Amino acid sequence: MELQRSIRFIFNAEVWWHIAHVARWSTQIWDVVRRYREFCAIDILLREKYPSRAPMFPYLPSKKYIGSSLSADFVDKRQRDLGYYMMSILHSCPLLVQDEIIDSFLDIKWHILERAREESSERRSASTPTHTTTSSNGGLSPMRLQL
């Protein structure tokens, strides 16, 4: 149950959108769209909920640096810093992955359930018997039987 250690971000010229690239298992990957203020909110919630662990949490990168907050250097630095922040939070206590705050932020349960539904649907499809008939043009075409 270990999260892949990579976080990916993009920059939208009008709004900061932080897309955390999250993997639960090697075959399960999804993107989570979050704004900087949502990182701020999760930081506050986690520090309030886990005051004994809060000193181990890194600080969020600054919302603005001296100079332009739209510069490429600023964008790159903030992306790296937010990635470091998120990974440090998760590594400070592996059980945080199961916390409802982290779950909500990363949409973990939703994606696990969605994947389970997809796999269940695939298994049902694979186990549904098919019958082959001859089409009017003499070729073979599969016909799915609904039971």
C-alpha atoms as a PDB file:
ATOM      1  CA  MET A   1       0.000   0.000   0.000  1.00  0.00           C
ATOM      2  CA  GLU A   2       2.744   2.447  -0.798  1.00  0.00           C
ATOM      3  CA  LEU A   3       2.179   5.538  -2.875  1.00  0.00           C
ATOM      4  CA  GLN A   4       4.446   6.058  -5.818  1.00  0.00           C
ATOM      5  CA  ARG A   5       6.947   8.748  -4.963  1.00  0.00           C
ATOM      6  CA  SER A   6       6.237  11.196  -7.720  1.00  0.00           C
ATOM      7  CA  ILE A   7       4.133  14.300  -7.882  1.00  0.00           C
ATOM      8  CA  ARG A   8       3.552  16.167 -11.091  1.00  0.00           C
ATOM      9  CA  PHE A   9       2.326  19.747 -11.413  1.00  0.00           C
ATOM     10  CA  ILE A  10       1.272  22.010 -14.228  1.00  0.00           C
ATOM     11  CA  PHE A  11       0.884  25.752 -14.454  1.00  0.00           C
ATOM     12  CA  ASN A  12      -2.167  27.394 -15.959  1.00  0.00           C
ATOM     13  CA  ALA A  13      -1.485  31.024 -16.934  1.00  0.00           C
ATOM     14  CA  GLU A  14      -4.637  32.229 -15.165  1.00  0.00           C
ATOM     15  CA  VAL A  15      -4.743  30.020 -12.084  1.00  0.00           C
ATOM     16  CA  TRP A  16      -2.320  27.784 -10.236  1.00  0.00           C
ATOM     17  CA  TRP A  17      -3.531  24.234 -10.604  1.00  0.00           C
ATOM     18  CA  HIS A  18      -1.444  21.633  -8.919  1.00  0.00           C
ATOM     19  CA  ILE A  19      -1.949  18.193 -10.321  1.00  0.00           C
ATOM     20  CA  ALA A  20      -0.676  15.507  -8.046  1.00  0.00           C
ATOM     21  CA  HIS A  21       0.123  12.367  -9.962  1.00  0.00           C
ATOM     22  CA  VAL A  22      -0.733   9.587  -7.572  1.00  0.00           C
ATOM     23  CA  ALA A  23      -0.274   5.852  -7.895  1.00  0.00           C
ATOM     24  CA  ARG A  24      -1.683   3.350  -5.437  1.00  0.00           C
ATOM     25  CA  TRP A  25      -0.343   0.315  -7.273  1.00  0.00           C
ATOM     26  CA  SER A  26       1.805   0.221 -10.359  1.00  0.00           C
ATOM     27  CA  THR A  27      -1.276  -0.228 -12.555  1.00  0.00           C
ATOM     28  CA  GLN A  28      -3.423   2.377 -10.840  1.00  0.00           C
ATOM     29  CA  ILE A  29      -2.550   5.990 -11.604  1.00  0.00           C
ATOM     30  CA  TRP A  30      -4.711   9.085 -11.484  1.00  0.00           C
ATOM     31  CA  ASP A  31      -4.381  12.846 -11.502  1.00  0.00           C
ATOM     32  CA  VAL A  32      -5.699  14.998  -8.692  1.00  0.00           C
ATOM     33  CA  VAL A  33      -6.274  18.696  -9.368  1.00  0.00           C
ATOM     34  CA  ARG A  34      -5.631  20.998  -6.400  1.00  0.00           C
ATOM     35  CA  ARG A  35      -5.069  24.718  -5.952  1.00  0.00           C
ATOM     36  CA  TYR A  36      -2.434  26.225  -3.686  1.00  0.00           C
ATOM     37  CA  ARG A  37      -5.069  27.237  -1.128  1.00  0.00           C
ATOM     38  CA  GLU A  38      -6.106  23.562  -0.865  1.00  0.00           C
ATOM     39  CA  PHE A  39      -2.514  22.692   0.037  1.00  0.00           C
ATOM     40  CA  CYS A  40      -2.767  25.412   2.711  1.00  0.00           C
ATOM     41  CA  ALA A  41      -6.013  23.933   4.026  1.00  0.00           C
ATOM     42  CA  ILE A  42      -4.622  20.401   4.243  1.00  0.00           C
ATOM     43  CA  ASP A  43      -1.554  21.735   6.032  1.00  0.00           C
ATOM     44  CA  ILE A  44      -3.691  23.457   8.672  1.00  0.00           C
ATOM     45  CA  LEU A  45      -5.987  20.438   9.110  1.00  0.00           C
ATOM     46  CA  LEU A  46      -3.131  17.967   9.490  1.00  0.00           C
ATOM     47  CA  ARG A  47      -1.231  20.179  11.944  1.00  0.00           C
ATOM     48  CA  GLU A  48      -4.379  20.582  14.070  1.00  0.00           C
ATOM     49  CA  LYS A  49      -5.240  16.882  13.956  1.00  0.00           C
ATOM     50  CA  TYR A  50      -1.684  15.625  14.591  1.00  0.00           C
ATOM     51  CA  PRO A  51       0.009  18.232  16.814  1.00  0.00           C
ATOM     52  CA  SER A  52       2.649  15.741  18.012  1.00  0.00           C
ATOM     53  CA  ARG A  53       3.672  15.014  14.399  1.00  0.00           C
ATOM     54  CA  ALA A  54       3.382  18.631  13.200  1.00  0.00           C
ATOM     55  CA  PRO A  55       7.036  19.459  13.973  1.00  0.00           C
ATOM     56  CA  MET A  56       8.054  16.737  11.479  1.00  0.00           C
ATOM     57  CA  PHE A  57       5.908  18.224   8.710  1.00  0.00           C
ATOM     58  CA  PRO A  58       7.729  20.522   6.319  1.00  0.00           C
ATOM     59  CA  TYR A  59       6.518  24.054   5.799  1.00  0.00           C
ATOM     60  CA  LEU A  60       4.541  24.872   2.692  1.00  0.00           C
ATOM     61  CA  PRO A  61       6.443  26.816   0.080  1.00  0.00           C
ATOM     62  CA  SER A  62       5.661  30.507   0.052  1.00  0.00           C
ATOM     63  CA  LYS A  63       2.719  31.652  -2.008  1.00  0.00           C
ATOM     64  CA  LYS A  64       4.855  34.427  -3.472  1.00  0.00           C
ATOM     65  CA  TYR A  65       8.546  35.066  -3.679  1.00  0.00           C
ATOM     66  CA  ILE A  66      10.335  38.340  -4.201  1.00  0.00           C
ATOM     67  CA  GLY A  67       9.972  39.163  -7.863  1.00  0.00           C
ATOM     68  CA  SER A  68       7.439  37.709 -10.231  1.00  0.00           C
ATOM     69  CA  SER A  69       5.375  34.761  -9.032  1.00  0.00           C
ATOM     70  CA  LEU A  70       4.774  33.924 -12.700  1.00  0.00           C
ATOM     71  CA  SER A  71       8.436  33.417 -13.587  1.00  0.00           C
ATOM     72  CA  ALA A  72       9.576  29.995 -14.783  1.00  0.00           C
ATOM     73  CA  ASP A  73      12.076  29.768 -11.921  1.00  0.00           C
ATOM     74  CA  PHE A  74       9.336  30.442  -9.386  1.00  0.00           C
ATOM     75  CA  VAL A  75       7.034  27.847 -10.972  1.00  0.00           C
ATOM     76  CA  ASP A  76       9.775  25.198 -10.998  1.00  0.00           C
ATOM     77  CA  LYS A  77      10.806  25.897  -7.424  1.00  0.00           C
ATOM     78  CA  ARG A  78       7.257  25.825  -6.105  1.00  0.00           C
ATOM     79  CA  GLN A  79       6.499  22.578  -7.938  1.00  0.00           C
ATOM     80  CA  ARG A  80       9.558  20.923  -6.425  1.00  0.00           C
ATOM     81  CA  ASP A  81       8.750  22.332  -2.993  1.00  0.00           C
ATOM     82  CA  LEU A  82       5.115  21.188  -3.080  1.00  0.00           C
ATOM     83  CA  GLY A  83       6.215  17.747  -4.232  1.00  0.00           C
ATOM     84  CA  TYR A  84       8.702  17.595  -1.373  1.00  0.00           C
ATOM     85  CA  TYR A  85       6.030  18.840   1.042  1.00  0.00           C
ATOM     86  CA  MET A  86       3.494  16.159   0.055  1.00  0.00           C
ATOM     87  CA  MET A  87       6.010  13.309   0.067  1.00  0.00           C
ATOM     88  CA  SER A  88       7.437  14.434   3.420  1.00  0.00           C
ATOM     89  CA  ILE A  89       3.971  14.492   4.957  1.00  0.00           C
ATOM     90  CA  LEU A  90       3.267  10.962   3.721  1.00  0.00           C
ATOM     91  CA  HIS A  91       6.672   9.645   4.790  1.00  0.00           C
ATOM     92  CA  SER A  92       6.473  11.244   8.244  1.00  0.00           C
ATOM     93  CA  CYS A  93       3.765   8.738   9.093  1.00  0.00           C
ATOM     94  CA  PRO A  94       2.812   6.055   6.555  1.00  0.00           C
ATOM     95  CA  LEU A  95      -0.565   5.618   8.265  1.00  0.00           C
ATOM     96  CA  LEU A  96      -1.505   9.124   7.102  1.00  0.00           C
ATOM     97  CA  VAL A  97      -2.333   7.539   3.738  1.00  0.00           C
ATOM     98  CA  GLN A  98      -5.387   6.088   5.494  1.00  0.00           C
ATOM     99  CA  ASP A  99      -6.416   9.385   7.101  1.00  0.00           C
ATOM    100  CA  GLU A 100      -9.634  10.920   5.787  1.00  0.00           C
ATOM    101  CA  ILE A 101      -7.913  14.271   5.187  1.00  0.00           C
ATOM    102  CA  ILE A 102      -5.260  12.720   2.927  1.00  0.00           C
ATOM    103  CA  ASP A 103      -7.829  10.388   1.381  1.00  0.00           C
ATOM    104  CA  SER A 104     -10.044  13.320   0.489  1.00  0.00           C
ATOM    105  CA  PHE A 105      -7.131  15.381  -0.829  1.00  0.00           C
ATOM    106  CA  LEU A 106      -5.773  12.580  -3.032  1.00  0.00           C
ATOM    107  CA  ASP A 107      -9.139  10.905  -3.824  1.00  0.00           C
ATOM    108  CA  ILE A 108      -7.705   7.541  -2.796  1.00  0.00           C
ATOM    109  CA  LYS A 109     -10.891   5.641  -1.841  1.00  0.00           C
ATOM    110  CA  TRP A 110     -12.829   6.918  -4.835  1.00  0.00           C
ATOM    111  CA  HIS A 111     -10.153   5.663  -7.225  1.00  0.00           C
ATOM    112  CA  ILE A 112      -9.793   2.328  -5.447  1.00  0.00           C
ATOM    113  CA  LEU A 113     -13.564   1.786  -5.654  1.00  0.00           C
ATOM    114  CA  GLU A 114     -13.639   2.908  -9.282  1.00  0.00           C
ATOM    115  CA  ARG A 115     -10.851   0.471 -10.135  1.00  0.00           C
ATOM    116  CA  ALA A 116     -12.660  -2.354  -8.306  1.00  0.00           C
ATOM    117  CA  ARG A 117     -15.849  -1.591 -10.275  1.00  0.00           C
ATOM    118  CA  GLU A 118     -13.905  -1.636 -13.550  1.00  0.00           C
ATOM    119  CA  GLU A 119     -12.223  -4.937 -12.699  1.00  0.00           C
ATOM    120  CA  SER A 120     -15.542  -6.467 -11.654  1.00  0.00           C
ATOM    121  CA  SER A 121     -17.127  -5.322 -14.902  1.00  0.00           C
ATOM    122  CA  GLU A 122     -14.193  -6.732 -16.894  1.00  0.00           C
ATOM    123  CA  ARG A 123     -14.504 -10.092 -15.104  1.00  0.00           C
ATOM    124  CA  ARG A 124     -18.246 -10.230 -15.820  1.00  0.00           C
ATOM    125  CA  SER A 125     -17.614  -9.393 -19.476  1.00  0.00           C
ATOM    126  CA  ALA A 126     -14.908 -12.035 -19.758  1.00  0.00           C
ATOM    127  CA  SER A 127     -17.099 -14.699 -18.167  1.00  0.00           C
ATOM    128  CA  THR A 128     -20.156 -13.952 -20.348  1.00  0.00           C
ATOM    129  CA  PRO A 129     -20.372 -16.764 -22.913  1.00  0.00           C
ATOM    130  CA  THR A 130     -20.266 -15.850 -26.560  1.00  0.00           C
ATOM    131  CA  HIS A 131     -21.727 -17.753 -29.466  1.00  0.00           C
ATOM    132  CA  THR A 132     -20.378 -17.517 -32.986  1.00  0.00           C
ATOM    133  CA  THR A 133     -22.815 -17.275 -35.879  1.00  0.00           C
ATOM    134  CA  THR A 134     -22.349 -17.073 -39.589  1.00  0.00           C
ATOM    135  CA  SER A 135     -23.313 -13.693 -41.002  1.00  0.00           C
ATOM    136  CA  SER A 136     -25.136 -13.232 -44.268  1.00  0.00           C
ATOM    137  CA  ASN A 137     -21.878 -12.393 -45.985  1.00  0.00           C
ATOM    138  CA  GLY A 138     -20.374 -15.746 -45.017  1.00  0.00           C
ATOM    139  CA  GLY A 139     -17.969 -14.254 -42.435  1.00  0.00           C
ATOM    140  CA  LEU A 140     -17.941 -15.037 -38.743  1.00  0.00           C
ATOM    141  CA  SER A 141     -19.219 -12.517 -36.217  1.00  0.00           C
ATOM    142  CA  PRO A 142     -19.460 -12.923 -32.426  1.00  0.00           C
ATOM    143  CA  MET A 143     -22.855 -12.610 -30.779  1.00  0.00           C
ATOM    144  CA  ARG A 144     -22.960 -11.908 -27.051  1.00  0.00           C
ATOM    145  CA  LEU A 145     -25.571 -13.870 -25.149  1.00  0.00           C
ATOM    146  CA  GLN A 146     -27.326 -11.994 -22.350  1.00  0.00           C
ATOM    147  CA  LEU A 147     -28.107 -14.357 -19.459  1.00  0.00           C
END
